[in-house]
Protein backbone atom coordinates (compact mmCIF):
# COMPACT_ATOMS: atom_id res chain seq x y z
CA UNK A 1 -22.13 73.57 -54.01
CA UNK A 2 -19.72 71.00 -55.30
CA UNK A 3 -15.83 70.94 -55.06
CA UNK A 4 -15.22 71.78 -58.30
CA UNK A 5 -17.77 74.75 -58.52
CA UNK A 6 -15.97 75.99 -55.69
CA UNK A 7 -12.18 75.62 -56.88
CA UNK A 8 -13.44 77.41 -60.19
CA UNK A 9 -14.46 80.43 -58.30
CA UNK A 10 -11.42 80.73 -56.05
CA UNK A 11 -8.37 79.31 -57.91
CA UNK A 12 -8.63 81.55 -61.17
CA UNK A 13 -4.82 81.25 -61.33
CA UNK A 14 -5.25 77.52 -61.83
CA UNK A 15 -5.26 74.28 -59.57
CA UNK A 16 -4.41 70.37 -59.08
CA UNK A 17 -6.46 68.69 -56.61
CA UNK A 18 -6.79 65.15 -55.77
CA UNK A 19 -9.17 63.40 -53.14
CA UNK A 20 -9.31 59.81 -51.89
CA UNK A 21 -11.59 57.38 -50.72
CA UNK A 22 -11.74 59.20 -47.46
CA UNK A 23 -12.91 62.26 -48.39
CA UNK A 24 -9.38 64.03 -48.00
CA UNK A 25 -8.53 66.62 -50.41
CA UNK A 26 -5.02 68.29 -50.96
CA UNK A 27 -3.26 69.37 -53.92
CA UNK A 28 -1.80 73.26 -54.84
CA UNK A 29 -3.48 76.21 -56.18
CA UNK A 30 -3.19 79.84 -57.70
CA UNK A 31 -5.11 82.90 -56.47
CA UNK A 32 -6.50 85.56 -58.82
CA UNK A 33 -3.34 87.59 -57.83
CA UNK A 34 -0.82 84.65 -58.31
CA UNK A 35 -0.32 83.49 -54.56
CA UNK A 36 0.78 79.82 -54.44
CA UNK A 37 -1.40 78.17 -52.23
CA UNK A 38 -1.20 74.58 -50.39
CA UNK A 39 -5.00 72.98 -50.03
CA UNK A 40 -6.17 70.54 -48.01
CA UNK A 41 -9.50 69.37 -46.96
CA UNK A 42 -12.45 67.02 -46.06
CA UNK A 43 -14.89 67.03 -48.52
CA UNK A 44 -17.88 65.09 -50.25
CA UNK A 45 -19.82 64.80 -46.63
CA UNK A 46 -18.06 62.34 -45.36
CA UNK A 47 -17.12 61.74 -41.60
CA UNK A 48 -13.67 62.61 -40.15
CA UNK A 49 -12.28 59.29 -38.49
CA UNK A 50 -8.66 58.33 -37.30
CA UNK A 51 -7.58 57.60 -41.17
CA UNK A 52 -8.80 61.06 -42.47
CA UNK A 53 -7.41 62.72 -39.51
CA UNK A 54 -3.99 61.50 -39.81
CA UNK A 55 -3.67 61.90 -43.16
CA UNK A 56 -4.89 65.51 -43.08
CA UNK A 57 -1.88 65.86 -40.20
CA UNK A 58 0.67 64.60 -42.28
CA UNK A 59 -0.22 66.65 -45.24
CA UNK A 60 -0.29 69.91 -42.83
CA UNK A 61 3.31 68.99 -40.94
CA UNK A 62 4.88 67.87 -44.38
CA UNK A 63 3.59 71.56 -45.91
CA UNK A 64 5.45 73.17 -42.68
CA UNK A 65 8.49 71.08 -42.94
CA UNK A 66 8.87 71.94 -46.53
CA UNK A 67 9.48 75.63 -45.46
CA UNK A 68 8.13 77.30 -48.49
CA UNK A 69 5.83 79.38 -46.29
CA UNK A 70 2.49 79.35 -48.54
CA UNK A 71 -0.53 79.54 -47.24
CA UNK A 72 -2.77 76.93 -46.32
CA UNK A 73 -6.42 76.62 -46.97
CA UNK A 74 -8.60 73.96 -45.48
CA UNK A 75 -11.73 73.20 -46.92
CA UNK A 76 -14.59 71.49 -45.03
CA UNK A 77 -17.48 69.60 -46.20
CA UNK A 78 -17.94 67.04 -43.76
CA UNK A 79 -20.22 65.11 -40.57
CA UNK A 80 -19.31 64.95 -37.45
CA UNK A 81 -16.30 62.55 -36.28
CA UNK A 82 -16.62 59.35 -37.26
CA UNK A 83 -19.08 57.17 -34.73
CA UNK A 84 -17.50 53.80 -35.24
CA UNK A 85 -16.16 51.33 -32.61
CA UNK A 86 -12.84 50.73 -34.11
CA UNK A 87 -12.18 55.01 -34.40
CA UNK A 88 -13.52 55.22 -30.82
CA UNK A 89 -10.99 52.46 -29.25
CA UNK A 90 -8.09 53.83 -31.31
CA UNK A 91 -8.41 57.17 -29.81
CA UNK A 92 -10.03 59.17 -32.16
CA UNK A 93 -10.29 62.07 -29.74
CA UNK A 94 -6.45 62.31 -29.92
CA UNK A 95 -5.90 61.70 -33.55
CA UNK A 96 -8.56 65.02 -33.97
CA UNK A 97 -6.28 66.64 -31.02
CA UNK A 98 -3.11 66.06 -33.20
CA UNK A 99 -4.95 67.69 -35.87
CA UNK A 100 -5.71 70.77 -34.62
CA UNK A 101 -2.18 71.12 -33.08
CA UNK A 102 -0.61 70.64 -36.63
CA UNK A 103 -2.75 73.57 -37.78
CA UNK A 104 -1.88 75.90 -35.01
CA UNK A 105 1.84 74.79 -35.37
CA UNK A 106 1.94 75.90 -38.93
CA UNK A 107 0.62 79.16 -37.67
CA UNK A 108 3.02 79.13 -35.74
CA UNK A 109 5.75 78.58 -37.97
CA UNK A 110 4.38 81.46 -40.31
CA UNK A 111 1.96 79.56 -42.81
CA UNK A 112 -1.36 81.67 -42.99
CA UNK A 113 -4.48 78.98 -42.37
CA UNK A 114 -7.71 79.82 -43.75
CA UNK A 115 -10.78 77.71 -43.40
CA UNK A 116 -13.53 77.58 -45.78
CA UNK A 117 -16.66 75.92 -44.79
CA UNK A 118 -19.01 75.15 -47.65
CA UNK A 119 -21.13 72.07 -46.36
CA UNK A 120 -21.67 70.56 -43.17
CA UNK A 121 -19.41 70.05 -40.16
CA UNK A 122 -20.18 69.36 -36.52
CA UNK A 123 -18.74 68.64 -33.29
CA UNK A 124 -14.82 67.24 -32.98
CA UNK A 125 -14.66 67.13 -37.21
CA UNK A 126 -16.13 71.13 -36.84
CA UNK A 127 -13.11 71.91 -34.02
CA UNK A 128 -10.46 70.02 -35.53
CA UNK A 129 -10.51 71.39 -38.92
CA UNK A 130 -12.58 74.66 -39.38
CA UNK A 131 -12.33 76.38 -36.15
CA UNK A 132 -8.89 75.16 -36.03
CA UNK A 133 -7.52 77.73 -38.68
CA UNK A 134 -6.89 81.55 -38.39
CA UNK A 135 -9.45 82.74 -40.34
CA UNK A 136 -12.48 80.62 -41.21
CA UNK A 137 -15.25 81.77 -44.19
CA UNK A 138 -18.23 80.52 -44.72
CA UNK A 139 -20.26 80.26 -48.06
CA UNK A 140 -24.10 79.59 -49.02
CA UNK A 141 -24.58 75.57 -47.76
CA UNK A 142 -22.16 75.66 -44.49
CA UNK A 143 -23.91 74.33 -41.73
CA UNK A 144 -21.65 74.36 -38.73
CA UNK A 145 -22.52 73.02 -35.29
CA UNK A 146 -20.45 72.15 -32.19
CA UNK A 147 -23.03 70.79 -30.67
CA UNK A 148 -26.85 70.35 -31.32
CA UNK A 149 -29.24 71.69 -28.36
CA UNK A 150 -30.44 67.89 -27.57
CA UNK A 151 -26.92 66.95 -26.90
CA UNK A 152 -26.20 70.17 -24.92
CA UNK A 153 -29.41 69.41 -22.92
CA UNK A 154 -28.10 65.70 -22.32
CA UNK A 155 -24.64 66.99 -21.15
CA UNK A 156 -25.96 70.03 -19.01
CA UNK A 157 -29.24 68.34 -17.55
CA UNK A 158 -30.93 71.19 -18.61
CA UNK A 159 -34.83 70.99 -20.24
CA UNK A 160 -34.43 71.28 -23.62
CA UNK A 161 -37.32 73.69 -23.67
CA UNK A 162 -34.99 76.06 -21.63
CA UNK A 163 -32.04 75.72 -23.82
CA UNK A 164 -34.09 76.68 -27.06
CA UNK A 165 -35.31 79.83 -25.26
CA UNK A 166 -31.58 80.64 -24.41
CA UNK A 167 -30.56 79.85 -27.58
CA UNK A 168 -33.01 82.61 -28.81
CA UNK A 169 -30.94 85.71 -27.28
CA UNK A 170 -27.29 83.89 -26.90
CA UNK A 171 -25.74 83.00 -30.01
CA UNK A 172 -22.92 80.70 -27.92
CA UNK A 173 -26.08 78.35 -27.02
CA UNK A 174 -27.37 77.89 -30.72
CA UNK A 175 -25.98 76.07 -33.77
CA UNK A 176 -26.06 77.30 -37.24
CA UNK A 177 -23.99 79.72 -39.40
CA UNK A 178 -25.90 82.67 -38.18
CA UNK A 179 -25.15 82.15 -34.59
CA UNK A 180 -21.52 80.95 -34.79
CA UNK A 181 -20.90 84.24 -36.97
CA UNK A 182 -22.25 86.39 -34.29
CA UNK A 183 -19.80 84.69 -31.86
CA UNK A 184 -16.85 85.62 -34.09
CA UNK A 185 -16.16 82.05 -34.71
CA UNK A 186 -16.64 82.71 -38.46
CA UNK A 187 -15.16 85.47 -39.72
CA UNK A 188 -16.68 86.15 -42.62
CA UNK A 189 -19.88 84.91 -44.50
CA UNK A 190 -19.67 85.21 -48.31
CA UNK A 191 -22.72 85.33 -50.60
CA UNK A 192 -24.01 83.01 -53.11
CA UNK A 193 -22.27 85.20 -56.00
CA UNK A 194 -19.07 83.02 -56.73
CA UNK A 195 -17.52 85.38 -58.91
CA UNK A 196 -16.25 87.59 -56.45
CA UNK A 197 -15.06 84.59 -54.42
CA UNK A 198 -11.28 84.75 -56.04
CA UNK A 199 -11.19 88.47 -54.93
CA UNK A 200 -12.49 88.29 -51.58
CA UNK A 201 -9.82 85.15 -50.95
CA UNK A 202 -7.16 87.44 -52.34
CA UNK A 203 -7.98 89.86 -49.77
CA UNK A 204 -7.52 87.77 -47.24
CA UNK A 205 -4.25 86.55 -48.54
CA UNK A 206 -2.93 90.16 -48.53
CA UNK A 207 -3.35 90.64 -44.90
CA UNK A 208 0.35 91.54 -44.12
CA UNK A 209 2.37 90.42 -40.83
CA UNK A 210 1.02 88.28 -38.19
CA UNK A 211 -2.33 87.70 -38.24
CA UNK A 212 -4.34 88.42 -34.71
CA UNK A 213 -7.19 86.45 -33.60
CA UNK A 214 -9.78 88.58 -33.71
CA UNK A 215 -12.38 86.09 -32.54
CA UNK A 216 -12.95 87.77 -29.54
CA UNK A 217 -13.14 91.08 -30.65
CA UNK A 218 -15.74 90.10 -33.24
CA UNK A 219 -18.03 88.55 -30.83
CA UNK A 220 -18.36 91.49 -29.00
CA UNK A 221 -18.80 93.93 -31.99
CA UNK A 222 -21.48 91.43 -33.33
CA UNK A 223 -23.16 91.06 -29.80
CA UNK A 224 -22.78 87.41 -29.92
CA UNK A 225 -20.25 86.89 -27.17
CA UNK A 226 -20.17 90.17 -24.88
CA UNK A 227 -17.45 89.64 -22.40
CA UNK A 228 -14.84 87.12 -23.67
CA UNK A 229 -12.91 89.94 -24.74
CA UNK A 230 -12.68 92.09 -22.18
CA UNK A 231 -11.89 88.92 -19.70
CA UNK A 232 -9.03 88.14 -22.36
CA UNK A 233 -7.55 91.65 -21.71
CA UNK A 234 -7.93 91.58 -17.97
CA UNK A 235 -5.90 88.07 -18.24
CA UNK A 236 -3.31 89.41 -20.14
CA UNK A 237 -2.78 92.32 -18.20
CA UNK A 238 -2.71 91.08 -14.99
CA UNK A 239 -0.31 88.32 -16.13
CA UNK A 240 2.18 90.77 -18.14
CA UNK A 241 2.13 92.37 -14.25
CA UNK A 242 3.24 89.25 -12.62
CA UNK A 243 5.55 88.75 -15.41
CA UNK A 244 7.06 92.36 -14.65
CA UNK A 245 7.20 91.83 -10.84
């Protein structure tokens, strides 16, 4: 799916998006129900390096500082972080962390953040963009991966065959859309019928009040992350008890 096709399906109220030479897209759009949106993203299958990351961060922070509170939609079709000596020497990890924190700040300041993954996204580029939004939606063509199995094998020193076996029963070990949806990281997977995208976007935008992070609960419901929600509740409960005492 191209960016133009996606934009036409989502923003039936109109849109004005511009894409630069780094693959950074930004602009404004209007949903089918007339909700004004700020749109930002990394598209065109481009890798996310220091230059693109700082541009994205600036767009997000300027929107927060603007104070109009319009929801922010992050479009994602990227590779992984940019594997270049220059970017690594400049501290790419810090740029990616800054982008993730910028999105977190938007949420804390009352700006709804929704991620929409319609292409590839891996490793730090995936974490700093799509996974840093409050709600992540995926459409056909989405190919998310935090880390592929050969990389996990190198880090953990576990045999690749053993990891493949574990991935068959434990989604947290496996890349791919189905597995990330099972863990709750992806909140919704939309089908190929683009005629319904505008209505589904408006349904997300209509959620009132503070948007709770339900990834742990979704993981439990979908049998992809069985203990995270329970452990989080225990930690919150014990922390609250200590605070009262």
